[in-house]
Amino acid sequence: MSLQLSASVEGHEHAVLTVLADPQDESLWVELLADGTQVQIPLAVLHQLLEVAAEEVHSADWFARQDAGDPQV
């Protein structure tokens, strides 16, 4: 079994990514296309990336406020 995330683009459904289980060890992998090449990333790695992103990724405006010493950031 797999789980697929799709998006509608101009009225057509497109697979964005698929989560698959490795039949040998049941490890979970995320499969997606990058420049037309099928790429698999361990789900654990993607999960770690998303956790870090939630804390560390900010807009350019946020960084500008940091540089200006704005206390409301």
N, C-alpha and C. Protein backbone atom coordinates (compact mmCIF):
# COMPACT_ATOMS: atom_id res chain seq x y z
N MET A 1 0.84 -1.18 0.00
CA MET A 1 0.00 0.00 0.00
C MET A 1 0.88 1.24 0.00
N SER A 2 0.38 2.30 -0.59
CA SER A 2 1.10 3.57 -0.63
C SER A 2 0.11 4.70 -0.36
N LEU A 3 0.65 5.87 -0.12
CA LEU A 3 -0.16 7.06 0.11
C LEU A 3 0.33 8.13 -0.84
N GLN A 4 -0.59 8.78 -1.55
CA GLN A 4 -0.20 9.74 -2.57
C GLN A 4 -0.80 11.11 -2.29
N LEU A 5 0.01 12.15 -2.44
CA LEU A 5 -0.45 13.53 -2.36
C LEU A 5 -0.56 14.05 -3.79
N SER A 6 -1.74 14.55 -4.13
CA SER A 6 -1.99 15.06 -5.48
C SER A 6 -2.35 16.53 -5.43
N ALA A 7 -2.20 17.19 -6.56
CA ALA A 7 -2.60 18.59 -6.69
C ALA A 7 -3.29 18.76 -8.03
N SER A 8 -4.27 19.63 -8.05
CA SER A 8 -4.96 19.95 -9.29
C SER A 8 -4.28 21.16 -9.92
N VAL A 9 -3.79 20.97 -11.14
CA VAL A 9 -3.14 22.05 -11.87
C VAL A 9 -3.90 22.22 -13.18
N GLU A 10 -4.51 23.40 -13.33
CA GLU A 10 -5.30 23.70 -14.53
C GLU A 10 -6.33 22.61 -14.80
N GLY A 11 -6.98 22.14 -13.73
CA GLY A 11 -8.04 21.15 -13.87
C GLY A 11 -7.59 19.72 -14.02
N HIS A 12 -6.30 19.45 -13.98
CA HIS A 12 -5.79 18.09 -14.10
C HIS A 12 -5.09 17.69 -12.80
N GLU A 13 -5.38 16.47 -12.33
CA GLU A 13 -4.74 15.96 -11.12
C GLU A 13 -3.33 15.47 -11.44
N HIS A 14 -2.39 15.86 -10.60
CA HIS A 14 -0.99 15.45 -10.75
C HIS A 14 -0.49 14.92 -9.42
N ALA A 15 0.22 13.80 -9.46
CA ALA A 15 0.84 13.26 -8.25
C ALA A 15 2.00 14.17 -7.87
N VAL A 16 2.01 14.63 -6.63
CA VAL A 16 3.10 15.47 -6.14
C VAL A 16 4.15 14.59 -5.49
N LEU A 17 3.69 13.70 -4.61
CA LEU A 17 4.61 12.76 -3.99
C LEU A 17 3.84 11.53 -3.54
N THR A 18 4.57 10.44 -3.36
CA THR A 18 4.00 9.18 -2.91
C THR A 18 4.85 8.66 -1.77
N VAL A 19 4.19 8.16 -0.72
CA VAL A 19 4.90 7.53 0.39
C VAL A 19 4.77 6.02 0.19
N LEU A 20 5.93 5.35 0.17
CA LEU A 20 6.01 3.91 -0.09
C LEU A 20 6.72 3.20 1.04
N ALA A 21 6.39 1.93 1.23
CA ALA A 21 7.09 1.09 2.20
C ALA A 21 8.02 0.15 1.45
N ASP A 22 9.27 0.06 1.90
CA ASP A 22 10.24 -0.87 1.31
C ASP A 22 9.80 -2.30 1.67
N PRO A 23 9.66 -3.18 0.68
CA PRO A 23 9.19 -4.54 0.98
C PRO A 23 10.17 -5.37 1.81
N GLN A 24 11.44 -4.99 1.84
CA GLN A 24 12.42 -5.77 2.59
C GLN A 24 12.42 -5.44 4.07
N ASP A 25 12.31 -4.14 4.42
CA ASP A 25 12.42 -3.77 5.84
C ASP A 25 11.30 -2.86 6.33
N GLU A 26 10.31 -2.59 5.47
CA GLU A 26 9.17 -1.74 5.81
C GLU A 26 9.54 -0.30 6.12
N SER A 27 10.77 0.12 5.78
CA SER A 27 11.13 1.53 5.94
C SER A 27 10.29 2.35 4.96
N LEU A 28 9.96 3.57 5.37
CA LEU A 28 9.11 4.43 4.55
C LEU A 28 9.95 5.41 3.75
N TRP A 29 9.56 5.58 2.49
CA TRP A 29 10.26 6.45 1.56
C TRP A 29 9.26 7.38 0.88
N VAL A 30 9.71 8.59 0.59
CA VAL A 30 8.91 9.55 -0.18
C VAL A 30 9.48 9.57 -1.59
N GLU A 31 8.60 9.38 -2.55
CA GLU A 31 9.01 9.36 -3.95
C GLU A 31 8.40 10.56 -4.65
N LEU A 32 9.24 11.27 -5.41
CA LEU A 32 8.78 12.43 -6.17
C LEU A 32 9.63 12.59 -7.41
N LEU A 33 9.20 13.49 -8.29
CA LEU A 33 9.96 13.77 -9.50
C LEU A 33 10.73 15.07 -9.32
N ALA A 34 11.99 15.06 -9.70
CA ALA A 34 12.83 16.25 -9.69
C ALA A 34 13.50 16.35 -11.05
N ASP A 35 13.17 17.39 -11.80
CA ASP A 35 13.69 17.55 -13.17
C ASP A 35 13.44 16.30 -14.01
N GLY A 36 12.27 15.70 -13.85
CA GLY A 36 11.91 14.53 -14.63
C GLY A 36 12.53 13.24 -14.16
N THR A 37 13.29 13.28 -13.07
CA THR A 37 13.93 12.08 -12.53
C THR A 37 13.22 11.66 -11.25
N GLN A 38 12.89 10.38 -11.16
CA GLN A 38 12.24 9.86 -9.96
C GLN A 38 13.26 9.80 -8.83
N VAL A 39 12.92 10.41 -7.68
CA VAL A 39 13.82 10.49 -6.54
C VAL A 39 13.11 9.91 -5.32
N GLN A 40 13.85 9.14 -4.52
CA GLN A 40 13.30 8.62 -3.26
C GLN A 40 14.11 9.17 -2.10
N ILE A 41 13.39 9.65 -1.08
CA ILE A 41 14.00 10.22 0.12
C ILE A 41 13.42 9.47 1.31
N PRO A 42 14.24 9.07 2.27
CA PRO A 42 13.67 8.43 3.46
C PRO A 42 12.68 9.37 4.15
N LEU A 43 11.52 8.85 4.52
CA LEU A 43 10.50 9.67 5.17
C LEU A 43 11.05 10.29 6.45
N ALA A 44 11.90 9.57 7.17
CA ALA A 44 12.48 10.11 8.41
C ALA A 44 13.30 11.37 8.13
N VAL A 45 14.01 11.41 7.02
CA VAL A 45 14.81 12.58 6.66
C VAL A 45 13.89 13.75 6.33
N LEU A 46 12.83 13.50 5.57
CA LEU A 46 11.87 14.56 5.25
C LEU A 46 11.20 15.07 6.53
N HIS A 47 10.88 14.18 7.43
CA HIS A 47 10.26 14.57 8.70
C HIS A 47 11.20 15.50 9.49
N GLN A 48 12.48 15.15 9.56
CA GLN A 48 13.46 16.00 10.26
C GLN A 48 13.55 17.37 9.59
N LEU A 49 13.57 17.39 8.27
CA LEU A 49 13.63 18.64 7.54
C LEU A 49 12.44 19.53 7.86
N LEU A 50 11.25 18.95 7.90
CA LEU A 50 10.04 19.72 8.19
C LEU A 50 10.04 20.25 9.62
N GLU A 51 10.55 19.48 10.56
CA GLU A 51 10.64 19.95 11.94
C GLU A 51 11.58 21.15 12.05
N VAL A 52 12.74 21.07 11.39
CA VAL A 52 13.69 22.18 11.42
C VAL A 52 13.09 23.39 10.70
N ALA A 53 12.45 23.15 9.56
CA ALA A 53 11.86 24.25 8.79
C ALA A 53 10.83 25.01 9.61
N ALA A 54 10.03 24.30 10.38
CA ALA A 54 8.99 24.95 11.18
C ALA A 54 9.58 25.95 12.17
N GLU A 55 10.79 25.70 12.62
CA GLU A 55 11.44 26.58 13.59
C GLU A 55 12.39 27.60 12.96
N GLU A 56 13.02 27.23 11.85
CA GLU A 56 14.14 28.01 11.35
C GLU A 56 13.91 28.78 10.05
N VAL A 57 12.88 28.44 9.29
CA VAL A 57 12.65 29.11 8.00
C VAL A 57 11.75 30.32 8.23
N HIS A 58 12.20 31.47 7.75
CA HIS A 58 11.46 32.72 7.90
C HIS A 58 11.54 33.50 6.59
N SER A 59 10.67 34.48 6.47
CA SER A 59 10.64 35.33 5.28
C SER A 59 11.79 36.32 5.31
N ALA A 60 12.05 36.92 4.16
CA ALA A 60 13.08 37.97 4.09
C ALA A 60 12.70 39.14 4.99
N ASP A 61 11.40 39.45 5.09
CA ASP A 61 10.96 40.53 5.97
C ASP A 61 11.29 40.23 7.43
N TRP A 62 11.13 38.99 7.84
CA TRP A 62 11.44 38.60 9.22
C TRP A 62 12.93 38.85 9.50
N PHE A 63 13.79 38.44 8.57
CA PHE A 63 15.22 38.66 8.76
C PHE A 63 15.56 40.14 8.78
N ALA A 64 14.88 40.94 7.96
CA ALA A 64 15.11 42.39 7.96
C ALA A 64 14.74 42.98 9.30
N ARG A 65 13.64 42.53 9.88
CA ARG A 65 13.24 43.02 11.21
C ARG A 65 14.26 42.60 12.26
N GLN A 66 14.81 41.40 12.13
CA GLN A 66 15.85 40.94 13.06
C GLN A 66 17.06 41.86 12.99
N ASP A 67 17.48 42.17 11.76
CA ASP A 67 18.64 43.03 11.57
C ASP A 67 18.39 44.44 12.10
N ALA A 68 17.13 44.89 12.05
CA ALA A 68 16.78 46.23 12.52
C ALA A 68 16.58 46.27 14.04
N GLY A 69 16.61 45.11 14.67
CA GLY A 69 16.44 45.06 16.12
C GLY A 69 15.00 45.21 16.57
N ASP A 70 14.05 44.86 15.71
CA ASP A 70 12.63 44.94 16.06
C ASP A 70 12.32 43.93 17.17
N PRO A 71 11.82 44.38 18.31
CA PRO A 71 11.58 43.46 19.42
C PRO A 71 10.34 42.58 19.24
N GLN A 72 9.54 42.79 18.21
CA GLN A 72 8.31 42.02 18.03
C GLN A 72 8.50 40.83 17.09
N VAL A 73 9.67 40.26 17.04
CA VAL A 73 9.89 39.11 16.16
C VAL A 73 10.02 37.86 16.95
